[in-house]
Amino acid sequence: MKKFKNFSKNLLKNKRGQGATEYILLLVVVVALVMLFKDKIKSTMDGKIGELSEKITNFQGE
């Protein structure tokens, strides 16, 4: 319980909010890019998964 108390105090005293804000903004940018290019990403992934499936199906063990 003492560890939790110390953790809580340190969390409230933490002055590194700018770093958290930067991570949130980076996450927003990444999500926006994924949403913008989702059709291209989906078609590329479908193609790669299809190639992999074909290679697995045609695999001849030595």
N, C-alpha and C. Protein backbone atom coordinates (compact mmCIF):
# COMPACT_ATOMS: atom_id res chain seq x y z
N MET A 1 0.82 -1.19 0.00
CA MET A 1 0.00 0.00 0.00
C MET A 1 0.87 1.25 0.00
N LYS A 2 2.01 1.16 0.68
CA LYS A 2 2.91 2.30 0.75
C LYS A 2 3.49 2.61 -0.64
N LYS A 3 3.76 1.56 -1.40
CA LYS A 3 4.29 1.76 -2.75
C LYS A 3 3.27 2.50 -3.61
N PHE A 4 2.01 2.12 -3.48
CA PHE A 4 0.96 2.79 -4.26
C PHE A 4 0.85 4.26 -3.86
N LYS A 5 0.96 4.54 -2.57
CA LYS A 5 0.89 5.91 -2.09
C LYS A 5 2.03 6.74 -2.67
N ASN A 6 3.24 6.18 -2.62
CA ASN A 6 4.39 6.88 -3.18
C ASN A 6 4.24 7.08 -4.69
N PHE A 7 3.73 6.07 -5.36
CA PHE A 7 3.50 6.18 -6.81
C PHE A 7 2.51 7.29 -7.11
N SER A 8 1.43 7.36 -6.33
CA SER A 8 0.41 8.39 -6.54
C SER A 8 0.99 9.78 -6.32
N LYS A 9 1.77 9.94 -5.26
CA LYS A 9 2.38 11.24 -4.99
C LYS A 9 3.32 11.65 -6.12
N ASN A 10 4.13 10.72 -6.57
CA ASN A 10 5.06 11.02 -7.66
C ASN A 10 4.32 11.33 -8.95
N LEU A 11 3.22 10.66 -9.19
CA LEU A 11 2.44 10.91 -10.38
C LEU A 11 1.87 12.32 -10.37
N LEU A 12 1.38 12.76 -9.22
CA LEU A 12 0.83 14.11 -9.12
C LEU A 12 1.90 15.18 -9.21
N LYS A 13 3.10 14.87 -8.77
CA LYS A 13 4.20 15.83 -8.81
C LYS A 13 4.91 15.84 -10.16
N ASN A 14 4.58 14.89 -11.01
CA ASN A 14 5.25 14.76 -12.29
C ASN A 14 5.04 16.01 -13.14
N LYS A 15 6.12 16.60 -13.60
CA LYS A 15 6.06 17.81 -14.41
C LYS A 15 6.35 17.52 -15.88
N ARG A 16 6.27 16.27 -16.27
CA ARG A 16 6.58 15.89 -17.64
C ARG A 16 5.32 15.79 -18.49
N GLY A 17 4.38 16.66 -18.32
CA GLY A 17 3.14 16.63 -19.08
C GLY A 17 3.34 16.91 -20.56
N GLN A 18 4.35 17.68 -20.87
CA GLN A 18 4.62 18.00 -22.26
C GLN A 18 4.94 16.73 -23.04
N GLY A 19 5.69 15.82 -22.46
CA GLY A 19 6.01 14.56 -23.13
C GLY A 19 4.76 13.76 -23.43
N ALA A 20 3.84 13.71 -22.48
CA ALA A 20 2.59 12.98 -22.70
C ALA A 20 1.78 13.62 -23.82
N THR A 21 1.77 14.94 -23.85
CA THR A 21 1.04 15.65 -24.90
C THR A 21 1.63 15.34 -26.26
N GLU A 22 2.94 15.30 -26.34
CA GLU A 22 3.59 14.98 -27.61
C GLU A 22 3.25 13.57 -28.06
N TYR A 23 3.21 12.62 -27.14
CA TYR A 23 2.84 11.25 -27.50
C TYR A 23 1.39 11.18 -27.99
N ILE A 24 0.51 11.93 -27.35
CA ILE A 24 -0.90 11.94 -27.77
C ILE A 24 -1.02 12.53 -29.17
N LEU A 25 -0.31 13.63 -29.44
CA LEU A 25 -0.36 14.23 -30.77
C LEU A 25 0.22 13.28 -31.82
N LEU A 26 1.29 12.59 -31.49
CA LEU A 26 1.86 11.62 -32.42
C LEU A 26 0.87 10.49 -32.71
N LEU A 27 0.19 10.03 -31.68
CA LEU A 27 -0.82 8.99 -31.85
C LEU A 27 -1.95 9.47 -32.75
N VAL A 28 -2.38 10.71 -32.58
CA VAL A 28 -3.44 11.28 -33.42
C VAL A 28 -2.99 11.32 -34.88
N VAL A 29 -1.75 11.71 -35.12
CA VAL A 29 -1.23 11.76 -36.49
C VAL A 29 -1.18 10.37 -37.11
N VAL A 30 -0.72 9.39 -36.34
CA VAL A 30 -0.64 8.02 -36.86
C VAL A 30 -2.03 7.48 -37.18
N VAL A 31 -2.98 7.71 -36.28
CA VAL A 31 -4.35 7.25 -36.53
C VAL A 31 -4.94 7.93 -37.77
N ALA A 32 -4.67 9.22 -37.93
CA ALA A 32 -5.18 9.95 -39.10
C ALA A 32 -4.58 9.38 -40.39
N LEU A 33 -3.28 9.06 -40.37
CA LEU A 33 -2.65 8.49 -41.56
C LEU A 33 -3.21 7.12 -41.88
N VAL A 34 -3.42 6.31 -40.86
CA VAL A 34 -4.00 4.98 -41.09
C VAL A 34 -5.40 5.09 -41.67
N MET A 35 -6.18 6.02 -41.15
CA MET A 35 -7.54 6.19 -41.68
C MET A 35 -7.51 6.73 -43.11
N LEU A 36 -6.55 7.59 -43.41
CA LEU A 36 -6.44 8.17 -44.74
C LEU A 36 -6.04 7.12 -45.78
N PHE A 37 -5.15 6.24 -45.40
CA PHE A 37 -4.64 5.24 -46.33
C PHE A 37 -5.15 3.83 -46.04
N LYS A 38 -6.29 3.71 -45.37
CA LYS A 38 -6.76 2.39 -44.96
C LYS A 38 -7.05 1.47 -46.14
N ASP A 39 -7.56 2.00 -47.25
CA ASP A 39 -7.85 1.14 -48.40
C ASP A 39 -6.56 0.60 -49.01
N LYS A 40 -5.55 1.44 -49.12
CA LYS A 40 -4.26 1.00 -49.67
C LYS A 40 -3.60 -0.02 -48.73
N ILE A 41 -3.67 0.23 -47.43
CA ILE A 41 -3.10 -0.69 -46.45
C ILE A 41 -3.82 -2.03 -46.51
N LYS A 42 -5.15 -1.98 -46.59
CA LYS A 42 -5.94 -3.21 -46.63
C LYS A 42 -5.63 -4.03 -47.88
N SER A 43 -5.56 -3.37 -49.04
CA SER A 43 -5.29 -4.12 -50.27
C SER A 43 -3.88 -4.71 -50.26
N THR A 44 -2.92 -3.97 -49.74
CA THR A 44 -1.55 -4.49 -49.65
C THR A 44 -1.48 -5.68 -48.71
N MET A 45 -2.12 -5.57 -47.55
CA MET A 45 -2.12 -6.68 -46.59
C MET A 45 -2.83 -7.90 -47.16
N ASP A 46 -3.95 -7.69 -47.85
CA ASP A 46 -4.67 -8.82 -48.46
C ASP A 46 -3.78 -9.52 -49.49
N GLY A 47 -3.04 -8.73 -50.26
CA GLY A 47 -2.13 -9.32 -51.26
C GLY A 47 -1.03 -10.13 -50.61
N LYS A 48 -0.42 -9.59 -49.57
CA LYS A 48 0.67 -10.29 -48.88
C LYS A 48 0.17 -11.55 -48.19
N ILE A 49 -1.01 -11.47 -47.58
CA ILE A 49 -1.58 -12.65 -46.93
C ILE A 49 -1.92 -13.72 -47.97
N GLY A 50 -2.42 -13.29 -49.13
CA GLY A 50 -2.70 -14.23 -50.21
C GLY A 50 -1.44 -14.93 -50.70
N GLU A 51 -0.34 -14.14 -50.86
CA GLU A 51 0.93 -14.73 -51.29
C GLU A 51 1.42 -15.74 -50.26
N LEU A 52 1.34 -15.38 -49.00
CA LEU A 52 1.79 -16.28 -47.93
C LEU A 52 0.95 -17.55 -47.90
N SER A 53 -0.35 -17.40 -48.05
CA SER A 53 -1.24 -18.56 -48.05
C SER A 53 -0.90 -19.50 -49.21
N GLU A 54 -0.63 -18.91 -50.36
CA GLU A 54 -0.28 -19.72 -51.55
C GLU A 54 1.04 -20.46 -51.32
N LYS A 55 2.01 -19.77 -50.72
CA LYS A 55 3.31 -20.41 -50.45
C LYS A 55 3.17 -21.53 -49.44
N ILE A 56 2.32 -21.34 -48.43
CA ILE A 56 2.10 -22.38 -47.43
C ILE A 56 1.42 -23.60 -48.06
N THR A 57 0.45 -23.33 -48.93
CA THR A 57 -0.29 -24.40 -49.60
C THR A 57 0.63 -25.21 -50.50
N ASN A 58 1.54 -24.53 -51.21
CA ASN A 58 2.42 -25.19 -52.18
C ASN A 58 3.73 -25.66 -51.57
N PHE A 59 3.89 -25.60 -50.27
CA PHE A 59 5.14 -25.98 -49.62
C PHE A 59 5.36 -27.48 -49.75
N GLN A 60 6.55 -27.81 -50.18
CA GLN A 60 6.95 -29.22 -50.28
C GLN A 60 8.10 -29.44 -49.29
N GLY A 61 7.85 -30.15 -48.22
CA GLY A 61 8.88 -30.41 -47.23
C GLY A 61 10.00 -31.26 -47.78
N GLU A 62 11.20 -31.02 -47.32
CA GLU A 62 12.35 -31.78 -47.82
C GLU A 62 12.58 -33.01 -46.99
